[in-house]
Amino acid sequence: MNPDEFIRKNIIKKLIELGYQDGVALELAADEGVSHFRRCSQASRRGAIFDDCYHVAKTWIDKYGSKPAMVSKRRAKQTIKQVSMF
């Protein structure tokens, strides 16, 4: 497995773990990550080239892809029927 295949496979795997489901958008985001890998001459810090490529892919899918379904973490309001005093 060459570095391009490694980056593509793991970007898709991490985006699926985050809840993205659209196959075409995942492929295009992975392509953007691999494209960044080919263009960059060095990572932002030592040993973080995959993190940089993943950041580019996630930014791309957030902007152009479909958002994952978010579940509300709030509790639903419980309506209490107030008894009238009069």
PDB file of N, CA and C in Angstrom:
ATOM      1  N   MET A   1       0.856  -1.171   0.000  1.00  0.00           N
ATOM      2  CA  MET A   1       0.000   0.000   0.000  1.00  0.00           C
ATOM      3  C   MET A   1       0.904   1.237   0.000  1.00  0.00           C
ATOM      4  N   ASN A   2       0.716   2.067  -0.991  1.00  0.00           N
ATOM      5  CA  ASN A   2       1.520   3.285  -1.067  1.00  0.00           C
ATOM      6  C   ASN A   2       0.880   4.394  -0.212  1.00  0.00           C
ATOM      7  N   PRO A   3       1.591   5.487   0.032  1.00  0.00           N
ATOM      8  CA  PRO A   3       1.062   6.545   0.900  1.00  0.00           C
ATOM      9  C   PRO A   3      -0.262   7.139   0.421  1.00  0.00           C
ATOM     10  N   ASP A   4      -0.450   7.263  -0.894  1.00  0.00           N
ATOM     11  CA  ASP A   4      -1.709   7.813  -1.407  1.00  0.00           C
ATOM     12  C   ASP A   4      -2.895   6.932  -1.020  1.00  0.00           C
ATOM     13  N   GLU A   5      -2.736   5.624  -1.181  1.00  0.00           N
ATOM     14  CA  GLU A   5      -3.815   4.697  -0.826  1.00  0.00           C
ATOM     15  C   GLU A   5      -4.080   4.709   0.672  1.00  0.00           C
ATOM     16  N   PHE A   6      -3.011   4.784   1.472  1.00  0.00           N
ATOM     17  CA  PHE A   6      -3.162   4.832   2.926  1.00  0.00           C
ATOM     18  C   PHE A   6      -3.952   6.064   3.347  1.00  0.00           C
ATOM     19  N   ILE A   7      -3.596   7.212   2.810  1.00  0.00           N
ATOM     20  CA  ILE A   7      -4.275   8.453   3.171  1.00  0.00           C
ATOM     21  C   ILE A   7      -5.728   8.408   2.739  1.00  0.00           C
ATOM     22  N   ARG A   8      -6.001   7.965   1.525  1.00  0.00           N
ATOM     23  CA  ARG A   8      -7.375   7.892   1.017  1.00  0.00           C
ATOM     24  C   ARG A   8      -8.233   6.966   1.887  1.00  0.00           C
ATOM     25  N   LYS A   9      -7.722   5.768   2.162  1.00  0.00           N
ATOM     26  CA  LYS A   9      -8.491   4.781   2.918  1.00  0.00           C
ATOM     27  C   LYS A   9      -8.802   5.274   4.331  1.00  0.00           C
ATOM     28  N   ASN A  10      -7.810   5.845   4.994  1.00  0.00           N
ATOM     29  CA  ASN A  10      -8.010   6.265   6.378  1.00  0.00           C
ATOM     30  C   ASN A  10      -8.831   7.541   6.496  1.00  0.00           C
ATOM     31  N   ILE A  11      -8.765   8.430   5.516  1.00  0.00           N
ATOM     32  CA  ILE A  11      -9.632   9.612   5.529  1.00  0.00           C
ATOM     33  C   ILE A  11     -11.084   9.180   5.408  1.00  0.00           C
ATOM     34  N   ILE A  12     -11.367   8.272   4.489  1.00  0.00           N
ATOM     35  CA  ILE A  12     -12.743   7.792   4.319  1.00  0.00           C
ATOM     36  C   ILE A  12     -13.222   7.105   5.591  1.00  0.00           C
ATOM     37  N   LYS A  13     -12.354   6.292   6.206  1.00  0.00           N
ATOM     38  CA  LYS A  13     -12.735   5.583   7.430  1.00  0.00           C
ATOM     39  C   LYS A  13     -13.053   6.561   8.563  1.00  0.00           C
ATOM     40  N   LYS A  14     -12.221   7.594   8.729  1.00  0.00           N
ATOM     41  CA  LYS A  14     -12.455   8.557   9.810  1.00  0.00           C
ATOM     42  C   LYS A  14     -13.702   9.403   9.562  1.00  0.00           C
ATOM     43  N   LEU A  15     -13.977   9.746   8.307  1.00  0.00           N
ATOM     44  CA  LEU A  15     -15.172  10.532   8.010  1.00  0.00           C
ATOM     45  C   LEU A  15     -16.442   9.706   8.215  1.00  0.00           C
ATOM     46  N   ILE A  16     -16.395   8.421   7.908  1.00  0.00           N
ATOM     47  CA  ILE A  16     -17.549   7.555   8.163  1.00  0.00           C
ATOM     48  C   ILE A  16     -17.794   7.441   9.662  1.00  0.00           C
ATOM     49  N   GLU A  17     -16.724   7.377  10.461  1.00  0.00           N
ATOM     50  CA  GLU A  17     -16.872   7.330  11.917  1.00  0.00           C
ATOM     51  C   GLU A  17     -17.542   8.594  12.448  1.00  0.00           C
ATOM     52  N   LEU A  18     -17.332   9.724  11.775  1.00  0.00           N
ATOM     53  CA  LEU A  18     -17.963  10.975  12.194  1.00  0.00           C
ATOM     54  C   LEU A  18     -19.420  11.067  11.771  1.00  0.00           C
ATOM     55  N   GLY A  19     -19.858  10.173  10.887  1.00  0.00           N
ATOM     56  CA  GLY A  19     -21.261  10.141  10.509  1.00  0.00           C
ATOM     57  C   GLY A  19     -21.564  10.599   9.099  1.00  0.00           C
ATOM     58  N   TYR A  20     -20.564  10.907   8.304  1.00  0.00           N
ATOM     59  CA  TYR A  20     -20.804  11.283   6.913  1.00  0.00           C
ATOM     60  C   TYR A  20     -21.136  10.025   6.121  1.00  0.00           C
ATOM     61  N   GLN A  21     -22.156  10.106   5.234  1.00  0.00           N
ATOM     62  CA  GLN A  21     -22.614   8.905   4.559  1.00  0.00           C
ATOM     63  C   GLN A  21     -22.592   9.003   3.041  1.00  0.00           C
ATOM     64  N   ASP A  22     -22.575  10.170   2.478  1.00  0.00           N
ATOM     65  CA  ASP A  22     -22.644  10.317   1.028  1.00  0.00           C
ATOM     66  C   ASP A  22     -21.363   9.788   0.392  1.00  0.00           C
ATOM     67  N   GLY A  23     -21.469   8.766  -0.452  1.00  0.00           N
ATOM     68  CA  GLY A  23     -20.300   8.131  -1.042  1.00  0.00           C
ATOM     69  C   GLY A  23     -19.499   9.032  -1.950  1.00  0.00           C
ATOM     70  N   VAL A  24     -20.169   9.828  -2.783  1.00  0.00           N
ATOM     71  CA  VAL A  24     -19.467  10.698  -3.723  1.00  0.00           C
ATOM     72  C   VAL A  24     -18.716  11.790  -2.972  1.00  0.00           C
ATOM     73  N   ALA A  25     -19.354  12.374  -1.967  1.00  0.00           N
ATOM     74  CA  ALA A  25     -18.701  13.432  -1.195  1.00  0.00           C
ATOM     75  C   ALA A  25     -17.499  12.881  -0.430  1.00  0.00           C
ATOM     76  N   LEU A  26     -17.607  11.658   0.072  1.00  0.00           N
ATOM     77  CA  LEU A  26     -16.469  11.048   0.768  1.00  0.00           C
ATOM     78  C   LEU A  26     -15.291  10.855  -0.181  1.00  0.00           C
ATOM     79  N   GLU A  27     -15.587  10.377  -1.378  1.00  0.00           N
ATOM     80  CA  GLU A  27     -14.521  10.163  -2.361  1.00  0.00           C
ATOM     81  C   GLU A  27     -13.860  11.484  -2.754  1.00  0.00           C
ATOM     82  N   LEU A  28     -14.666  12.514  -2.962  1.00  0.00           N
ATOM     83  CA  LEU A  28     -14.105  13.811  -3.352  1.00  0.00           C
ATOM     84  C   LEU A  28     -13.299  14.432  -2.211  1.00  0.00           C
ATOM     85  N   ALA A  29     -13.768  14.275  -0.979  1.00  0.00           N
ATOM     86  CA  ALA A  29     -13.017  14.790   0.166  1.00  0.00           C
ATOM     87  C   ALA A  29     -11.688  14.053   0.299  1.00  0.00           C
ATOM     88  N   ALA A  30     -11.711  12.736   0.097  1.00  0.00           N
ATOM     89  CA  ALA A  30     -10.471  11.960   0.153  1.00  0.00           C
ATOM     90  C   ALA A  30      -9.522  12.393  -0.966  1.00  0.00           C
ATOM     91  N   ASP A  31     -10.075  12.695  -2.138  1.00  0.00           N
ATOM     92  CA  ASP A  31      -9.245  13.199  -3.241  1.00  0.00           C
ATOM     93  C   ASP A  31      -8.586  14.521  -2.875  1.00  0.00           C
ATOM     94  N   GLU A  32      -9.321  15.388  -2.185  1.00  0.00           N
ATOM     95  CA  GLU A  32      -8.737  16.666  -1.752  1.00  0.00           C
ATOM     96  C   GLU A  32      -7.607  16.435  -0.754  1.00  0.00           C
ATOM     97  N   GLY A  33      -7.789  15.477   0.148  1.00  0.00           N
ATOM     98  CA  GLY A  33      -6.731  15.149   1.104  1.00  0.00           C
ATOM     99  C   GLY A  33      -5.488  14.613   0.421  1.00  0.00           C
ATOM    100  N   VAL A  34      -5.673  13.722  -0.547  1.00  0.00           N
ATOM    101  CA  VAL A  34      -4.535  13.167  -1.293  1.00  0.00           C
ATOM    102  C   VAL A  34      -3.877  14.258  -2.132  1.00  0.00           C
ATOM    103  N   SER A  35      -4.679  15.139  -2.700  1.00  0.00           N
ATOM    104  CA  SER A  35      -4.137  16.250  -3.482  1.00  0.00           C
ATOM    105  C   SER A  35      -3.273  17.148  -2.598  1.00  0.00           C
ATOM    106  N   HIS A  36      -3.714  17.387  -1.377  1.00  0.00           N
ATOM    107  CA  HIS A  36      -2.920  18.189  -0.443  1.00  0.00           C
ATOM    108  C   HIS A  36      -1.598  17.479  -0.134  1.00  0.00           C
ATOM    109  N   PHE A  37      -1.655  16.151   0.035  1.00  0.00           N
ATOM    110  CA  PHE A  37      -0.439  15.377   0.301  1.00  0.00           C
ATOM    111  C   PHE A  37       0.563  15.528  -0.837  1.00  0.00           C
ATOM    112  N   ARG A  38       0.078  15.498  -2.065  1.00  0.00           N
ATOM    113  CA  ARG A  38       0.966  15.610  -3.223  1.00  0.00           C
ATOM    114  C   ARG A  38       1.555  17.010  -3.358  1.00  0.00           C
ATOM    115  N   ARG A  39       0.783  18.033  -2.951  1.00  0.00           N
ATOM    116  CA  ARG A  39       1.230  19.418  -3.125  1.00  0.00           C
ATOM    117  C   ARG A  39       2.145  19.905  -2.017  1.00  0.00           C
ATOM    118  N   CYS A  40       1.942  19.419  -0.796  1.00  0.00           N
ATOM    119  CA  CYS A  40       2.682  20.008   0.326  1.00  0.00           C
ATOM    120  C   CYS A  40       4.111  19.472   0.369  1.00  0.00           C
ATOM    121  N   SER A  41       5.006  20.309   0.828  1.00  0.00           N
ATOM    122  CA  SER A  41       6.402  19.910   0.902  1.00  0.00           C
ATOM    123  C   SER A  41       6.772  19.436   2.303  1.00  0.00           C
ATOM    124  N   GLN A  42       6.022  19.887   3.303  1.00  0.00           N
ATOM    125  CA  GLN A  42       6.280  19.446   4.668  1.00  0.00           C
ATOM    126  C   GLN A  42       5.015  19.577   5.500  1.00  0.00           C
ATOM    127  N   ALA A  43       4.983  18.855   6.596  1.00  0.00           N
ATOM    128  CA  ALA A  43       3.821  18.872   7.481  1.00  0.00           C
ATOM    129  C   ALA A  43       3.891  20.084   8.402  1.00  0.00           C
ATOM    130  N   SER A  44       2.773  20.388   9.038  1.00  0.00           N
ATOM    131  CA  SER A  44       2.744  21.522   9.956  1.00  0.00           C
ATOM    132  C   SER A  44       3.575  21.237  11.204  1.00  0.00           C
ATOM    133  N   ARG A  45       3.681  19.971  11.581  1.00  0.00           N
ATOM    134  CA  ARG A  45       4.579  19.578  12.663  1.00  0.00           C
ATOM    135  C   ARG A  45       5.098  18.179  12.345  1.00  0.00           C
ATOM    136  N   ARG A  46       6.073  17.740  13.066  1.00  0.00           N
ATOM    137  CA  ARG A  46       6.722  16.471  12.747  1.00  0.00           C
ATOM    138  C   ARG A  46       5.748  15.295  12.867  1.00  0.00           C
ATOM    139  N   GLY A  47       5.670  14.497  11.815  1.00  0.00           N
ATOM    140  CA  GLY A  47       4.842  13.300  11.818  1.00  0.00           C
ATOM    141  C   GLY A  47       3.357  13.556  11.694  1.00  0.00           C
ATOM    142  N   ALA A  48       2.959  14.714  11.206  1.00  0.00           N
ATOM    143  CA  ALA A  48       1.534  15.056  11.166  1.00  0.00           C
ATOM    144  C   ALA A  48       1.020  15.297   9.755  1.00  0.00           C
ATOM    145  N   ILE A  49       1.615  14.676   8.772  1.00  0.00           N
ATOM    146  CA  ILE A  49       1.160  14.903   7.401  1.00  0.00           C
ATOM    147  C   ILE A  49      -0.240  14.339   7.206  1.00  0.00           C
ATOM    148  N   PHE A  50      -0.537  13.176   7.813  1.00  0.00           N
ATOM    149  CA  PHE A  50      -1.887  12.624   7.682  1.00  0.00           C
ATOM    150  C   PHE A  50      -2.901  13.546   8.343  1.00  0.00           C
ATOM    151  N   ASP A  51      -2.565  14.103   9.497  1.00  0.00           N
ATOM    152  CA  ASP A  51      -3.485  15.019  10.180  1.00  0.00           C
ATOM    153  C   ASP A  51      -3.780  16.240   9.320  1.00  0.00           C
ATOM    154  N   ASP A  52      -2.771  16.750   8.634  1.00  0.00           N
ATOM    155  CA  ASP A  52      -2.982  17.893   7.744  1.00  0.00           C
ATOM    156  C   ASP A  52      -3.899  17.526   6.580  1.00  0.00           C
ATOM    157  N   CYS A  53      -3.664  16.354   5.990  1.00  0.00           N
ATOM    158  CA  CYS A  53      -4.505  15.906   4.870  1.00  0.00           C
ATOM    159  C   CYS A  53      -5.935  15.660   5.336  1.00  0.00           C
ATOM    160  N   TYR A  54      -6.096  15.084   6.521  1.00  0.00           N
ATOM    161  CA  TYR A  54      -7.429  14.835   7.073  1.00  0.00           C
ATOM    162  C   TYR A  54      -8.146  16.156   7.343  1.00  0.00           C
ATOM    163  N   HIS A  55      -7.422  17.141   7.847  1.00  0.00           N
ATOM    164  CA  HIS A  55      -8.025  18.452   8.120  1.00  0.00           C
ATOM    165  C   HIS A  55      -8.533  19.090   6.825  1.00  0.00           C
ATOM    166  N   VAL A  56      -7.758  18.994   5.758  1.00  0.00           N
ATOM    167  CA  VAL A  56      -8.178  19.540   4.463  1.00  0.00           C
ATOM    168  C   VAL A  56      -9.428  18.817   3.968  1.00  0.00           C
ATOM    169  N   ALA A  57      -9.446  17.493   4.078  1.00  0.00           N
ATOM    170  CA  ALA A  57     -10.597  16.707   3.618  1.00  0.00           C
ATOM    171  C   ALA A  57     -11.839  17.018   4.443  1.00  0.00           C
ATOM    172  N   LYS A  58     -11.696  17.137   5.755  1.00  0.00           N
ATOM    173  CA  LYS A  58     -12.851  17.424   6.613  1.00  0.00           C
ATOM    174  C   LYS A  58     -13.378  18.827   6.346  1.00  0.00           C
ATOM    175  N   THR A  59     -12.497  19.776   6.143  1.00  0.00           N
ATOM    176  CA  THR A  59     -12.925  21.131   5.806  1.00  0.00           C
ATOM    177  C   THR A  59     -13.684  21.136   4.486  1.00  0.00           C
ATOM    178  N   TRP A  60     -13.205  20.370   3.513  1.00  0.00           N
ATOM    179  CA  TRP A  60     -13.878  20.309   2.217  1.00  0.00           C
ATOM    180  C   TRP A  60     -15.267  19.696   2.352  1.00  0.00           C
ATOM    181  N   ILE A  61     -15.388  18.593   3.074  1.00  0.00           N
ATOM    182  CA  ILE A  61     -16.692  17.928   3.179  1.00  0.00           C
ATOM    183  C   ILE A  61     -17.654  18.751   4.032  1.00  0.00           C
ATOM    184  N   ASP A  62     -17.140  19.501   5.005  1.00  0.00           N
ATOM    185  CA  ASP A  62     -18.020  20.390   5.775  1.00  0.00           C
ATOM    186  C   ASP A  62     -18.585  21.489   4.891  1.00  0.00           C
ATOM    187  N   LYS A  63     -17.777  21.966   3.952  1.00  0.00           N
ATOM    188  CA  LYS A  63     -18.209  23.067   3.094  1.00  0.00           C
ATOM    189  C   LYS A  63     -19.096  22.596   1.949  1.00  0.00           C
ATOM    190  N   TYR A  64     -18.739  21.501   1.294  1.00  0.00           N
ATOM    191  CA  TYR A  64     -19.436  21.083   0.079  1.00  0.00           C
ATOM    192  C   TYR A  64     -20.287  19.823   0.234  1.00  0.00           C
ATOM    193  N   GLY A  65     -20.016  19.003   1.212  1.00  0.00           N
ATOM    194  CA  GLY A  65     -20.741  17.744   1.365  1.00  0.00           C
ATOM    195  C   GLY A  65     -21.973  17.906   2.234  1.00  0.00           C
ATOM    196  N   SER A  66     -22.692  16.811   2.379  1.00  0.00           N
ATOM    197  CA  SER A  66     -23.876  16.835   3.237  1.00  0.00           C
ATOM    198  C   SER A  66     -23.436  16.643   4.684  1.00  0.00           C
ATOM    199  N   LYS A  67     -24.105  17.333   5.567  1.00  0.00           N
ATOM    200  CA  LYS A  67     -23.765  17.277   6.983  1.00  0.00           C
ATOM    201  C   LYS A  67     -24.303  15.983   7.593  1.00  0.00           C
ATOM    202  N   PRO A  68     -23.594  15.436   8.595  1.00  0.00           N
ATOM    203  CA  PRO A  68     -24.124  14.247   9.258  1.00  0.00           C
ATOM    204  C   PRO A  68     -25.343  14.613  10.091  1.00  0.00           C
ATOM    205  N   ALA A  69     -26.212  13.657  10.291  1.00  0.00           N
ATOM    206  CA  ALA A  69     -27.418  13.893  11.087  1.00  0.00           C
ATOM    207  C   ALA A  69     -27.010  14.110  12.541  1.00  0.00           C
ATOM    208  N   MET A  70     -27.387  15.245  13.071  1.00  0.00           N
ATOM    209  CA  MET A  70     -27.048  15.567  14.447  1.00  0.00           C
ATOM    210  C   MET A  70     -28.226  15.241  15.353  1.00  0.00           C
ATOM    211  N   VAL A  71     -27.946  14.593  16.449  1.00  0.00           N
ATOM    212  CA  VAL A  71     -28.975  14.266  17.420  1.00  0.00           C
ATOM    213  C   VAL A  71     -28.930  15.330  18.504  1.00  0.00           C
ATOM    214  N   SER A  72     -30.091  15.847  18.840  1.00  0.00           N
ATOM    215  CA  SER A  72     -30.161  16.884  19.858  1.00  0.00           C
ATOM    216  C   SER A  72     -29.786  16.297  21.211  1.00  0.00           C
ATOM    217  N   LYS A  73     -28.892  16.981  21.914  1.00  0.00           N
ATOM    218  CA  LYS A  73     -28.465  16.508  23.221  1.00  0.00           C
ATOM    219  C   LYS A  73     -29.288  17.128  24.344  1.00  0.00           C
ATOM    220  N   ARG A  74     -30.176  18.023  23.999  1.00  0.00           N
ATOM    221  CA  ARG A  74     -31.018  18.651  25.007  1.00  0.00           C
ATOM    222  C   ARG A  74     -32.142  17.711  25.411  1.00  0.00           C
ATOM    223  N   ARG A  75     -32.563  17.876  26.626  1.00  0.00           N
ATOM    224  CA  ARG A  75     -33.743  17.135  27.056  1.00  0.00           C
ATOM    225  C   ARG A  75     -34.968  17.893  26.610  1.00  0.00           C
ATOM    226  N   ALA A  76     -35.980  17.171  26.266  1.00  0.00           N
ATOM    227  CA  ALA A  76     -37.230  17.811  25.866  1.00  0.00           C
ATOM    228  C   ALA A  76     -37.882  18.422  27.102  1.00  0.00           C
ATOM    229  N   LYS A  77     -38.505  19.573  26.908  1.00  0.00           N
ATOM    230  CA  LYS A  77     -39.175  20.223  28.027  1.00  0.00           C
ATOM    231  C   LYS A  77     -40.371  19.393  28.453  1.00  0.00           C
ATOM    232  N   GLN A  78     -40.489  19.231  29.723  1.00  0.00           N
ATOM    233  CA  GLN A  78     -41.645  18.521  30.244  1.00  0.00           C
ATOM    234  C   GLN A  78     -42.690  19.566  30.597  1.00  0.00           C
ATOM    235  N   THR A  79     -43.819  19.461  29.959  1.00  0.00           N
ATOM    236  CA  THR A  79     -44.880  20.429  30.230  1.00  0.00           C
ATOM    237  C   THR A  79     -45.661  19.967  31.444  1.00  0.00           C
ATOM    238  N   ILE A  80     -45.721  20.835  32.395  1.00  0.00           N
ATOM    239  CA  ILE A  80     -46.458  20.548  33.621  1.00  0.00           C
ATOM    240  C   ILE A  80     -47.735  21.362  33.584  1.00  0.00           C
ATOM    241  N   LYS A  81     -48.812  20.670  33.716  1.00  0.00           N
ATOM    242  CA  LYS A  81     -50.094  21.359  33.700  1.00  0.00           C
ATOM    243  C   LYS A  81     -50.279  22.036  35.053  1.00  0.00           C
ATOM    244  N   GLN A  82     -50.363  23.360  35.007  1.00  0.00           N
ATOM    245  CA  GLN A  82     -50.487  24.126  36.231  1.00  0.00           C
ATOM    246  C   GLN A  82     -51.946  24.132  36.673  1.00  0.00           C
ATOM    247  N   VAL A  83     -52.150  23.840  37.922  1.00  0.00           N
ATOM    248  CA  VAL A  83     -53.497  23.824  38.478  1.00  0.00           C
ATOM    249  C   VAL A  83     -53.844  25.240  38.906  1.00  0.00           C
ATOM    250  N   SER A  84     -54.981  25.696  38.454  1.00  0.00           N
ATOM    251  CA  SER A  84     -55.410  27.047  38.782  1.00  0.00           C
ATOM    252  C   SER A  84     -55.901  27.105  40.220  1.00  0.00           C
ATOM    253  N   MET A  85     -55.597  28.205  40.874  1.00  0.00           N
ATOM    254  CA  MET A  85     -56.039  28.367  42.254  1.00  0.00           C
ATOM    255  C   MET A  85     -57.463  28.889  42.322  1.00  0.00           C
ATOM    256  N   PHE A  86     -57.980  29.466  41.266  1.00  0.00           N
ATOM    257  CA  PHE A  86     -59.328  30.044  41.303  1.00  0.00           C
ATOM    258  C   PHE A  86     -60.237  29.380  40.339  1.00  0.00           C
TER     259      PHE A  86
END
